[in-house]
Amino acid sequence: MTIPSRPCSPALDEVNAEIRRLMEEPVCARRTEEYFRLLSLWTEAARSSTPWTKAA
């Protein structure tokens, strides 16, 4: 089964950009905490923009 491609939502684009910027910073505890926070935001944004969750 092939999942149809879809453009990223603005929220996903913003979170992805923040994650990329964060990965340029030196490794530290704050970066780790921020990464987990951004992953949570990314998960929520991805859930709200996927056609698979809207179909139910």
Protein backbone atom coordinates (compact mmCIF):
# COMPACT_ATOMS: atom_id res chain seq x y z
CA MET A 1 0.00 0.00 0.00
CA THR A 2 1.29 3.44 -0.91
CA ILE A 3 0.43 6.36 1.32
CA PRO A 4 -0.46 9.38 -0.78
CA SER A 5 2.02 12.20 -0.49
CA ARG A 6 0.82 15.49 0.89
CA PRO A 7 2.39 18.87 1.39
CA CYS A 8 3.46 19.65 4.93
CA SER A 9 1.18 21.90 6.89
CA PRO A 10 2.53 25.29 7.97
CA ALA A 11 2.73 24.00 11.54
CA LEU A 12 4.83 21.01 10.47
CA ASP A 13 7.08 23.26 8.40
CA GLU A 14 7.63 25.55 11.38
CA VAL A 15 8.42 22.72 13.78
CA ASN A 16 10.75 21.09 11.24
CA ALA A 17 12.62 24.38 10.85
CA GLU A 18 12.94 24.73 14.63
CA ILE A 19 14.29 21.18 14.90
CA ARG A 20 16.86 21.87 12.16
CA ARG A 21 18.00 25.05 13.94
CA LEU A 22 18.19 23.23 17.26
CA MET A 23 20.40 20.50 15.79
CA GLU A 24 22.99 23.17 14.93
CA GLU A 25 23.41 24.01 18.62
CA PRO A 26 25.95 22.28 20.88
CA VAL A 27 24.71 19.19 22.70
CA CYS A 28 23.49 20.00 26.20
CA ALA A 29 20.62 19.19 28.56
CA ARG A 30 18.60 22.21 27.39
CA ARG A 31 18.88 21.09 23.76
CA THR A 32 17.68 17.60 24.71
CA GLU A 33 14.68 19.00 26.57
CA GLU A 34 13.81 21.33 23.70
CA TYR A 35 14.13 18.47 21.20
CA PHE A 36 11.60 16.38 23.13
CA ARG A 37 9.26 19.37 23.33
CA LEU A 38 9.53 19.95 19.59
CA LEU A 39 8.93 16.27 18.85
CA SER A 40 5.71 16.47 20.85
CA LEU A 41 4.62 19.51 18.84
CA TRP A 42 5.58 17.76 15.60
CA THR A 43 3.51 14.70 16.55
CA GLU A 44 0.45 16.84 17.26
CA ALA A 45 0.86 18.81 14.03
CA ALA A 46 1.31 15.62 12.01
CA ARG A 47 -1.80 14.04 13.53
CA SER A 48 -3.93 17.02 12.69
CA SER A 49 -2.74 17.24 9.09
CA THR A 50 -2.85 13.61 7.94
CA PRO A 51 -5.76 12.35 5.85
CA TRP A 52 -5.59 8.99 7.66
CA THR A 53 -6.78 10.42 10.98
CA LYS A 54 -9.51 12.49 9.31
CA ALA A 55 -11.01 9.47 7.57
CA ALA A 56 -12.26 7.86 10.78
